[in-house]
Amino acid sequence: MELNEMLEVSILLDYYSELLSDRQKEYLLEHFEGDLSLSEIGKKYNVTRQAVYDNIRRGIKILRDYE
């Protein structure tokens, strides 16, 4: 993901994070603000890296749709 895309997602997250599911919000915040990798998030929440990736991608799509 490019820097511009990361910045866009961070801004959208600030505005619309309350409209996401709790899990999506947690994963997005951990990844973009906490700078954790997908594997680190997966270990923290005891889920697979793929589950984290899917939730983050879905959350980003939802944020962009709100915009």
Protein backbone atom coordinates (compact mmCIF):
# COMPACT_ATOMS: atom_id res chain seq x y z
CA MET A 1 0.00 0.00 0.00
CA GLU A 2 1.35 3.39 -0.97
CA LEU A 3 1.83 6.24 1.44
CA ASN A 4 -1.07 8.23 -0.08
CA GLU A 5 -3.42 5.27 0.37
CA MET A 6 -2.31 4.81 3.98
CA LEU A 7 -2.91 8.48 4.66
CA GLU A 8 -6.34 8.30 3.04
CA VAL A 9 -7.34 5.28 5.14
CA SER A 10 -6.06 6.93 8.33
CA ILE A 11 -8.13 10.05 7.68
CA LEU A 12 -11.23 8.02 6.81
CA LEU A 13 -10.69 5.96 9.94
CA ASP A 14 -10.68 9.13 12.04
CA TYR A 15 -14.03 10.18 10.60
CA TYR A 16 -15.91 6.90 10.21
CA SER A 17 -14.37 4.38 12.64
CA GLU A 18 -17.51 4.26 14.77
CA LEU A 19 -19.46 2.93 11.79
CA LEU A 20 -17.27 -0.18 11.48
CA SER A 21 -17.69 -3.41 13.39
CA ASP A 22 -15.68 -3.59 16.60
CA ARG A 23 -13.31 -6.16 15.13
CA GLN A 24 -12.69 -4.20 11.93
CA LYS A 25 -12.08 -1.03 13.90
CA GLU A 26 -9.62 -2.80 16.23
CA TYR A 27 -7.69 -4.38 13.36
CA LEU A 28 -7.52 -1.16 11.37
CA LEU A 29 -6.37 0.86 14.36
CA GLU A 30 -3.74 -1.75 15.28
CA HIS A 31 -2.46 -1.88 11.71
CA PHE A 32 -2.49 1.80 10.72
CA GLU A 33 -2.01 3.59 14.03
CA GLY A 34 -0.27 0.89 16.07
CA ASP A 35 1.92 -0.10 13.11
CA LEU A 36 1.46 -3.82 13.81
CA SER A 37 1.85 -6.41 11.07
CA LEU A 38 -0.98 -8.72 10.09
CA SER A 39 0.79 -11.59 11.85
CA GLU A 40 1.21 -9.60 15.05
CA ILE A 41 -2.47 -8.66 15.05
CA GLY A 42 -3.42 -12.29 14.37
CA LYS A 43 -1.38 -13.49 17.33
CA LYS A 44 -2.80 -10.78 19.59
CA TYR A 45 -6.43 -11.73 18.77
CA ASN A 46 -5.77 -15.45 18.25
CA VAL A 47 -6.92 -15.47 14.62
CA THR A 48 -5.19 -16.23 11.35
CA ARG A 49 -3.27 -13.66 9.36
CA GLN A 50 -5.78 -14.21 6.54
CA ALA A 51 -8.71 -13.34 8.84
CA VAL A 52 -6.98 -10.10 9.80
CA TYR A 53 -6.26 -9.29 6.15
CA ASP A 54 -9.86 -9.97 5.11
CA ASN A 55 -11.27 -7.78 7.89
CA ILE A 56 -8.88 -4.93 7.09
CA ARG A 57 -9.68 -5.07 3.36
CA ARG A 58 -13.42 -5.17 4.09
CA GLY A 59 -13.06 -2.28 6.54
CA ILE A 60 -11.15 -0.18 4.01
CA LYS A 61 -13.82 -0.82 1.39
CA ILE A 62 -16.55 0.22 3.84
CA LEU A 63 -14.66 3.41 4.75
CA ARG A 64 -14.23 4.33 1.09
CA ASP A 65 -17.92 3.62 0.41
CA TYR A 66 -18.92 6.00 3.22
CA GLU A 67 -16.79 8.72 1.67
